[in-house]
């Protein structure tokens, strides 16, 4: 069937219509006329696969990645970088309909080779990413959005002789690598041959360190962070630099700050430079250990960390909190945390989000008593449909009265 692609959905898929019924077609561009094969048919929508482009959109560009058509990673490599930004801005504005403030858009200075962490799947000796919507592995030799240090390592992973499992590669400002392996296979490899030409600081297999250390250091805006092999950290260090500045600018001087989902304490440490006191909450033990160490390294004596689930801990903070910073997982805030914020009414909430849909859901309630002071769209994940947002909310004291 011939389908004209009229727009993109929130996941970067092309949207067209067949007899007024919506059809989603991945890897297509607005303005494409495509020959489509149905792969899924539901009552209210269908999903199709583009077999052939009958007429190319004027927006379509040549794709530089050889794996684009089958890899489940990047979604927007077939349009220009400027068009990806426009798509993301329109997407966020469409979701955050209650926000009447114009966003500040921050581009990624490094469109390619920006990720400091990727996870590769290994099945029957094949190493790569999952094919879209399957568990079939697309073998790769290079990933255009991963750092150059990571790419230098990808080509040598076969030397590890892993048959099934996964390999996570992390890199830092100094092109050093931390390699994390999950596999039941016995590794038989020449360590010296594997390390040749790479700056590997550690290899961890099934939570046990088999070479070097189980952490690496990252440096951003003159802050130094120790990051354990299983701790969360921003995957785009360059854009994290922009995020740190936004957070710093938004922190009220001499405020007491509660930092939820604080990870290795990166945002807490940025906040501490202006705040009177910062309390961070994080559920991952290694991340809290890192956070305590990072506060010491960066000479922050006004920061403390709680090892706990945010949902359980937020109601037990006895101190008067002026500012709350939240950087939740993709699912957004849980009901308990959201209700506690609405009850306690801190003067300011800084909401960092990697999913505008859950951000919009939470803002629907928060904006009953808060106003958006500023909000930002950061292109943290270039050429994918993912987008980072930061909203700075001020308590509406007139409503609260």
Protein backbone atom coordinates (compact mmCIF):
# COMPACT_ATOMS: atom_id res chain seq x y z
CA UNK A 1 0.00 0.00 0.00
CA UNK A 2 1.15 3.53 -0.70
CA UNK A 3 1.30 5.78 2.35
CA UNK A 4 2.16 9.47 2.58
CA UNK A 5 4.01 10.30 5.80
CA UNK A 6 2.40 13.40 7.32
CA UNK A 7 4.20 13.77 10.68
CA UNK A 8 6.32 11.91 13.26
CA UNK A 9 5.05 10.45 16.52
CA UNK A 10 6.70 10.78 19.94
CA UNK A 11 8.92 7.77 19.17
CA UNK A 12 10.17 9.18 15.86
CA UNK A 13 7.99 6.93 13.71
CA UNK A 14 6.33 8.26 10.58
CA UNK A 15 2.55 8.68 10.73
CA UNK A 16 0.30 8.14 7.72
CA UNK A 17 -3.27 7.05 7.07
CA UNK A 18 -4.93 4.20 5.21
CA UNK A 19 -8.67 4.76 4.75
CA UNK A 20 -8.54 7.30 7.61
CA UNK A 21 -6.93 4.73 9.94
CA UNK A 22 -3.58 5.75 11.42
CA UNK A 23 -0.47 3.75 10.52
CA UNK A 24 2.96 4.08 12.11
CA UNK A 25 5.94 3.50 9.81
CA UNK A 26 9.42 3.54 11.43
CA UNK A 27 12.47 5.07 9.70
CA UNK A 28 10.42 7.36 7.46
CA UNK A 29 10.45 11.13 6.99
CA UNK A 30 7.64 13.67 6.78
CA UNK A 31 6.80 14.03 3.08
CA UNK A 32 7.94 10.51 2.08
CA UNK A 33 5.60 8.52 -0.14
CA UNK A 34 6.33 4.90 0.74
CA UNK A 35 5.26 1.41 -0.24
CA UNK A 36 4.26 -0.16 3.08
CA UNK A 37 3.80 -3.73 4.28
CA UNK A 38 1.60 -4.17 7.35
CA UNK A 39 3.40 -5.82 10.27
CA UNK A 40 0.75 -5.29 12.96
CA UNK A 41 -2.93 -4.46 12.73
CA UNK A 42 -5.05 -3.35 15.69
CA UNK A 43 -8.56 -1.99 15.89
CA UNK A 44 -7.51 1.67 16.07
CA UNK A 45 -4.11 1.67 14.39
CA UNK A 46 -1.64 -0.29 12.28
CA UNK A 47 2.14 -0.59 12.14
CA UNK A 48 3.95 -1.00 8.86
CA UNK A 49 7.37 -1.46 7.33
CA UNK A 50 8.55 0.72 4.45
CA UNK A 51 9.49 -1.65 1.63
CA UNK A 52 10.37 1.08 -0.83
CA UNK A 53 10.42 4.86 -1.01
CA UNK A 54 8.29 5.78 -4.00
CA UNK A 55 8.98 9.50 -3.65
CA UNK A 56 11.58 10.93 -1.27
CA UNK A 57 10.76 13.81 1.03
CA UNK A 58 12.73 17.00 0.51
CA UNK A 59 13.65 16.65 4.19
CA UNK A 60 15.29 13.24 3.73
CA UNK A 61 19.11 13.10 3.79
CA UNK A 62 21.59 10.32 3.10
CA UNK A 63 22.11 8.20 6.21
CA UNK A 64 25.74 7.94 7.29
CA UNK A 65 25.25 4.86 9.50
CA UNK A 66 25.31 1.48 7.69
CA UNK A 67 23.12 -0.11 10.40
CA UNK A 68 20.35 2.48 10.45
CA UNK A 69 17.70 0.46 8.61
CA UNK A 70 17.87 -2.50 11.01
CA UNK A 71 19.38 -1.22 14.28
CA UNK A 72 16.97 -0.32 17.07
CA UNK A 73 19.13 2.60 18.23
CA UNK A 74 19.06 5.95 16.42
CA UNK A 75 15.73 6.98 14.88
CA UNK A 76 16.41 10.34 13.22
CA UNK A 77 19.61 9.94 11.21
CA UNK A 78 17.63 10.36 7.99
CA UNK A 79 16.93 14.07 8.62
CA UNK A 80 19.25 17.03 9.26
CA UNK A 81 20.40 17.90 12.74
CA UNK A 82 18.39 21.15 12.64
CA UNK A 83 15.27 19.18 11.69
CA UNK A 84 15.82 16.80 14.63
CA UNK A 85 15.88 19.81 16.94
CA UNK A 86 12.68 21.20 15.44
CA UNK A 87 11.03 17.79 15.88
CA UNK A 88 12.03 17.65 19.54
CA UNK A 89 10.95 21.21 20.31
CA UNK A 90 7.56 20.65 18.62
CA UNK A 91 7.20 17.35 20.46
CA UNK A 92 7.91 18.85 23.90
CA UNK A 93 5.67 21.87 23.28
CA UNK A 94 2.88 19.55 22.15
CA UNK A 95 3.16 17.49 25.33
CA UNK A 96 3.62 20.37 27.78
CA UNK A 97 0.50 22.22 26.68
CA UNK A 98 -0.02 23.80 30.12
CA UNK A 99 3.40 25.51 29.96
CA UNK A 100 3.07 28.97 28.44
CA UNK A 101 6.77 29.87 28.75
CA UNK A 102 8.98 29.70 25.66
CA UNK A 103 11.76 27.12 26.16
CA UNK A 104 15.47 27.76 25.88
CA UNK A 105 16.87 25.20 23.41
CA UNK A 106 20.43 23.98 23.95
CA UNK A 107 22.07 22.21 21.01
CA UNK A 108 24.57 19.41 21.28
CA UNK A 109 27.94 20.77 20.13
CA UNK A 110 28.99 17.21 19.30
CA UNK A 111 26.29 15.71 17.08
CA UNK A 112 28.23 12.45 16.82
CA UNK A 113 30.55 10.48 19.13
CA UNK A 114 28.95 11.98 22.25
CA UNK A 115 27.84 9.00 24.36
CA UNK A 116 30.15 7.97 27.19
CA UNK A 117 28.26 4.71 27.79
CA UNK A 118 26.70 2.02 25.61
CA UNK A 119 25.46 -1.52 26.27
CA UNK A 120 26.11 -4.16 23.62
CA UNK A 121 24.30 -7.49 23.47
CA UNK A 122 26.12 -10.77 22.72
CA UNK A 123 24.20 -13.70 21.28
CA UNK A 124 25.96 -16.71 19.74
CA UNK A 125 29.15 -14.69 19.53
CA UNK A 126 27.52 -11.78 17.67
CA UNK A 127 28.18 -8.42 19.35
CA UNK A 128 25.99 -5.40 18.72
CA UNK A 129 22.60 -3.80 19.33
CA UNK A 130 19.18 -5.36 19.12
CA UNK A 131 17.37 -5.09 15.83
CA UNK A 132 14.31 -2.90 16.25
CA UNK A 133 11.50 -4.66 18.18
CA UNK A 134 13.39 -7.97 18.26
CA UNK A 135 16.10 -9.78 20.19
CA UNK A 136 18.13 -10.37 17.04
CA UNK A 137 21.60 -8.85 17.31
CA UNK A 138 22.84 -6.45 14.65
CA UNK A 139 26.62 -6.86 14.61
CA UNK A 140 28.44 -3.52 14.55
CA UNK A 141 32.01 -2.33 14.09
CA UNK A 142 31.27 1.28 15.01
CA UNK A 143 28.55 3.37 16.64
CA UNK A 144 28.37 6.97 15.40
CA UNK A 145 26.92 8.31 18.63
CA UNK A 146 29.37 6.52 20.98
CA UNK A 147 32.64 8.15 22.02
CA UNK A 148 35.74 7.49 19.95
CA UNK A 149 37.34 5.65 22.87
CA UNK A 150 34.36 3.28 22.98
CA UNK A 151 34.53 2.75 19.22
CA UNK A 152 38.20 1.80 19.45
CA UNK A 153 37.19 -0.88 21.95
CA UNK A 154 34.23 -2.28 19.99
CA UNK A 155 36.47 -3.73 17.30
CA UNK A 156 38.49 -5.66 19.92
CA UNK A 157 35.60 -7.20 21.89
CA UNK A 158 35.75 -10.44 19.85
CA UNK A 159 39.07 -11.14 21.59
CA UNK A 160 37.16 -11.67 24.87
CA UNK A 161 35.49 -14.79 23.39
CA UNK A 162 32.08 -14.07 24.92
CA UNK A 163 29.36 -16.28 23.44
CA UNK A 164 26.26 -14.97 25.21
CA UNK A 165 25.69 -12.04 27.55
CA UNK A 166 26.24 -8.30 27.43
CA UNK A 167 29.11 -5.82 27.49
CA UNK A 168 28.75 -2.27 28.80
CA UNK A 169 31.46 0.21 27.81
CA UNK A 170 32.01 3.47 29.70
CA UNK A 171 34.53 6.18 28.76
CA UNK A 172 35.61 9.48 30.32
CA UNK A 173 37.24 12.83 29.54
CA UNK A 174 40.64 11.17 29.32
CA UNK A 175 39.51 8.42 26.88
CA UNK A 176 39.83 5.82 29.62
CA UNK A 177 37.52 2.80 29.53
CA UNK A 178 35.64 0.76 32.10
CA UNK A 179 34.31 -2.55 30.72
CA UNK A 180 31.42 -4.37 32.42
CA UNK A 181 30.59 -7.91 31.31
CA UNK A 182 27.52 -9.97 32.19
CA UNK A 183 28.01 -13.54 31.00
CA UNK A 184 28.21 -17.11 32.27
CA UNK A 185 30.93 -17.89 29.72
CA UNK A 186 34.46 -18.53 30.91
CA UNK A 187 36.64 -15.78 29.50
CA UNK A 188 39.78 -17.05 27.82
CA UNK A 189 41.74 -14.22 26.26
CA UNK A 190 45.19 -12.69 26.07
CA UNK A 191 44.87 -9.66 28.35
CA UNK A 192 47.93 -7.92 26.89
CA UNK A 193 46.69 -8.33 23.32
CA UNK A 194 43.25 -7.03 24.29
CA UNK A 195 44.61 -3.98 26.17
CA UNK A 196 46.96 -2.96 23.36
CA UNK A 197 46.04 0.53 22.12
CA UNK A 198 43.29 0.97 24.74
CA UNK A 199 43.30 2.89 28.04
CA UNK A 200 41.35 0.38 30.13
CA UNK A 201 41.12 1.23 33.83
CA UNK A 202 39.07 -1.81 34.78
CA UNK A 203 37.14 -4.90 33.70
CA UNK A 204 34.22 -6.18 35.80
CA UNK A 205 32.51 -9.52 35.15
CA UNK A 206 29.31 -10.47 36.95
CA UNK A 207 30.00 -7.85 39.66
CA UNK A 208 33.56 -9.09 40.27
CA UNK A 209 36.61 -7.04 39.27
CA UNK A 210 38.88 -9.17 37.08
CA UNK A 211 41.26 -6.40 36.02
CA UNK A 212 42.14 -2.99 37.44
CA UNK A 213 39.40 -1.01 39.17
CA UNK A 214 35.59 -1.15 39.18
CA UNK A 215 35.20 2.60 38.69
CA UNK A 216 36.49 5.50 36.64
CA UNK A 217 36.71 9.27 37.11
CA UNK A 218 34.94 11.88 35.02
CA UNK A 219 35.68 15.62 34.95
CA UNK A 220 33.02 18.19 34.04
CA UNK A 221 33.21 21.96 34.65
CA UNK A 222 36.23 21.41 36.93
CA UNK A 223 34.25 18.98 39.10
CA UNK A 224 35.64 15.46 39.47
CA UNK A 225 33.31 12.49 39.83
CA UNK A 226 34.04 8.90 40.77
CA UNK A 227 31.62 6.58 38.98
CA UNK A 228 31.26 2.90 39.88
CA UNK A 229 30.57 0.33 37.20
CA UNK A 230 26.87 0.08 38.09
CA UNK A 231 26.13 3.71 39.02
CA UNK A 232 24.05 6.09 36.94
CA UNK A 233 25.75 9.08 35.33
CA UNK A 234 24.75 11.37 32.47
CA UNK A 235 25.65 9.64 29.18
CA UNK A 236 26.56 12.91 27.44
CA UNK A 237 29.31 14.69 29.37
CA UNK A 238 29.31 17.76 27.13
CA UNK A 239 25.58 18.33 27.62
CA UNK A 240 25.91 17.53 31.32
CA UNK A 241 28.15 20.60 31.47
CA UNK A 242 25.16 22.68 30.27
CA UNK A 243 22.86 20.94 32.72
CA UNK A 244 25.19 21.74 35.63
CA UNK A 245 25.13 25.44 34.71
CA UNK A 246 21.32 25.46 34.54
CA UNK A 247 21.10 23.84 37.98
CA UNK A 248 23.67 26.20 39.47
CA UNK A 249 21.88 29.27 38.11
CA UNK A 250 18.55 28.05 39.50
CA UNK A 251 19.73 27.33 43.04
CA UNK A 252 18.72 29.98 45.55
CA UNK A 253 21.74 31.21 47.54
CA UNK A 254 21.93 29.83 51.09
CA UNK A 255 18.96 27.49 50.50
CA UNK A 256 18.52 24.07 52.04
CA UNK A 257 18.22 21.73 49.05
CA UNK A 258 16.77 18.23 48.79
CA UNK A 259 18.21 16.32 45.81
CA UNK A 260 16.08 13.30 44.87
CA UNK A 261 17.46 10.39 42.81
CA UNK A 262 20.90 11.95 43.27
CA UNK A 263 23.01 9.12 41.80
CA UNK A 264 26.73 9.66 42.37
CA UNK A 265 26.00 13.16 43.70
CA UNK A 266 26.91 15.14 40.59
CA UNK A 267 24.00 17.58 40.83
CA UNK A 268 24.25 17.67 44.63
CA UNK A 269 27.84 18.88 44.40
CA UNK A 270 26.90 21.56 41.86
CA UNK A 271 24.08 22.69 44.16
CA UNK A 272 26.35 22.73 47.21
CA UNK A 273 28.51 25.50 45.78
CA UNK A 274 25.61 27.97 46.28
CA UNK A 275 23.36 26.30 48.85
CA UNK A 276 23.57 26.33 52.62
CA UNK A 277 23.01 22.58 52.80
CA UNK A 278 22.21 19.73 50.39
CA UNK A 279 20.62 16.38 51.26
CA UNK A 280 20.73 13.73 48.55
CA UNK A 281 18.65 10.54 48.39
CA UNK A 282 19.64 7.55 46.26
CA UNK A 283 18.74 3.84 46.34
CA UNK A 284 21.86 2.32 44.69
CA UNK A 285 24.52 1.55 47.37
CA UNK A 286 27.56 2.00 45.09
CA UNK A 287 26.19 5.34 43.89
CA UNK A 288 25.89 6.60 47.48
CA UNK A 289 29.43 5.44 48.24
CA UNK A 290 30.57 7.34 45.13
CA UNK A 291 28.53 10.40 46.17
CA UNK A 292 30.19 10.58 49.59
CA UNK A 293 33.61 10.24 47.98
CA UNK A 294 32.74 12.84 45.33
CA UNK A 295 31.71 15.35 47.97
CA UNK A 296 35.08 14.84 49.66
CA UNK A 297 37.02 15.13 46.38
CA UNK A 298 35.24 18.37 45.49
CA UNK A 299 35.60 19.77 49.03
CA UNK A 300 31.85 20.01 49.69
CA UNK A 301 31.30 19.86 53.44
CA UNK A 302 27.64 20.87 53.32
CA UNK A 303 26.33 17.72 51.58
CA UNK A 304 24.96 14.51 53.10
CA UNK A 305 23.44 11.45 51.45
CA UNK A 306 20.75 8.96 52.42
CA UNK A 307 20.72 5.41 51.07
CA UNK A 308 17.02 4.86 50.59
CA UNK A 309 14.16 4.73 48.13
CA UNK A 310 12.90 8.26 47.47
CA UNK A 311 9.29 7.16 48.00
CA UNK A 312 10.13 5.86 51.48
CA UNK A 313 12.51 8.61 52.56
CA UNK A 314 10.94 11.86 51.35
CA UNK A 315 8.34 12.02 54.11
CA UNK A 316 10.96 11.52 56.82
CA UNK A 317 13.02 14.66 56.16
CA UNK A 318 12.49 16.84 59.23
CA UNK A 319 14.38 19.93 58.03
CA UNK A 320 12.66 22.82 56.30
CA UNK A 321 13.46 22.40 52.59
CA UNK A 322 13.64 25.47 50.35
CA UNK A 323 14.50 23.88 47.01
CA UNK A 324 13.86 20.35 45.72
CA UNK A 325 15.77 19.00 42.72
CA UNK A 326 14.32 15.88 41.09
CA UNK A 327 15.96 13.81 38.35
CA UNK A 328 13.74 10.71 38.31
CA UNK A 329 13.92 7.66 36.04
CA UNK A 330 11.86 7.62 32.86
CA UNK A 331 8.68 6.68 34.77
CA UNK A 332 8.70 10.06 36.52
CA UNK A 333 7.64 10.77 40.10
CA UNK A 334 5.73 8.19 42.10
CA UNK A 335 2.43 9.22 43.71
CA UNK A 336 3.86 9.42 47.24
CA UNK A 337 6.71 11.74 46.21
CA UNK A 338 4.44 13.96 44.13
CA UNK A 339 1.86 14.26 46.91
CA UNK A 340 4.58 15.04 49.46
CA UNK A 341 5.89 17.89 47.29
CA UNK A 342 2.37 19.29 46.96
CA UNK A 343 1.88 19.04 50.72
CA UNK A 344 5.23 20.48 51.82
CA UNK A 345 5.27 23.22 49.15
CA UNK A 346 8.99 23.99 48.81
CA UNK A 347 9.62 27.47 47.37
CA UNK A 348 11.22 26.03 44.24
CA UNK A 349 11.29 22.71 42.39
CA UNK A 350 13.86 22.01 39.67
CA UNK A 351 12.59 19.08 37.62
CA UNK A 352 15.09 17.30 35.33
CA UNK A 353 13.36 14.85 33.01
CA UNK A 354 14.39 12.39 30.30
CA UNK A 355 10.77 11.74 29.28
CA UNK A 356 8.48 14.70 28.48
CA UNK A 357 5.39 12.46 28.69
CA UNK A 358 5.87 11.68 32.39
CA UNK A 359 7.09 15.23 32.98
CA UNK A 360 3.84 16.52 31.48
CA UNK A 361 1.81 14.15 33.65
CA UNK A 362 3.56 15.38 36.83
CA UNK A 363 3.36 19.04 35.80
CA UNK A 364 -0.41 18.71 35.41
CA UNK A 365 -0.55 18.46 39.21
CA UNK A 366 2.40 20.63 40.19
CA UNK A 367 1.19 23.58 38.13
CA UNK A 368 -1.89 23.81 40.35
CA UNK A 369 0.30 25.66 42.87
CA UNK A 370 3.55 26.32 40.96
CA UNK A 371 4.48 28.57 38.07
CA UNK A 372 7.12 27.76 35.44
CA UNK A 373 9.91 30.30 35.83
CA UNK A 374 12.09 28.86 33.06
CA UNK A 375 12.33 25.68 31.10
CA UNK A 376 14.99 24.19 28.88
CA UNK A 377 15.16 21.61 26.12
CA UNK A 378 18.59 19.96 25.97
CA UNK A 379 19.59 17.78 23.04
CA UNK A 380 21.24 15.22 25.30
CA UNK A 381 20.54 12.31 22.93
CA UNK A 382 21.16 13.57 19.39
CA UNK A 383 19.60 11.70 16.44
CA UNK A 384 17.27 9.76 18.73
CA UNK A 385 13.71 10.69 19.70
CA UNK A 386 14.79 11.05 23.34
CA UNK A 387 15.07 14.54 24.80
CA UNK A 388 16.08 16.03 28.15
CA UNK A 389 14.05 18.83 29.75
CA UNK A 390 14.60 21.00 32.80
CA UNK A 391 11.74 22.96 34.36
CA UNK A 392 12.30 25.53 37.11
CA UNK A 393 9.08 25.89 39.13
CA UNK A 394 8.36 28.69 41.60
CA UNK A 395 5.66 28.36 44.26
CA UNK A 396 2.68 30.58 43.47
CA UNK A 397 2.31 32.24 46.85
CA UNK A 398 -0.96 33.90 45.92
CA UNK A 399 -2.60 30.52 45.30
CA UNK A 400 -1.04 29.00 48.42
CA UNK A 401 -2.52 31.80 50.59
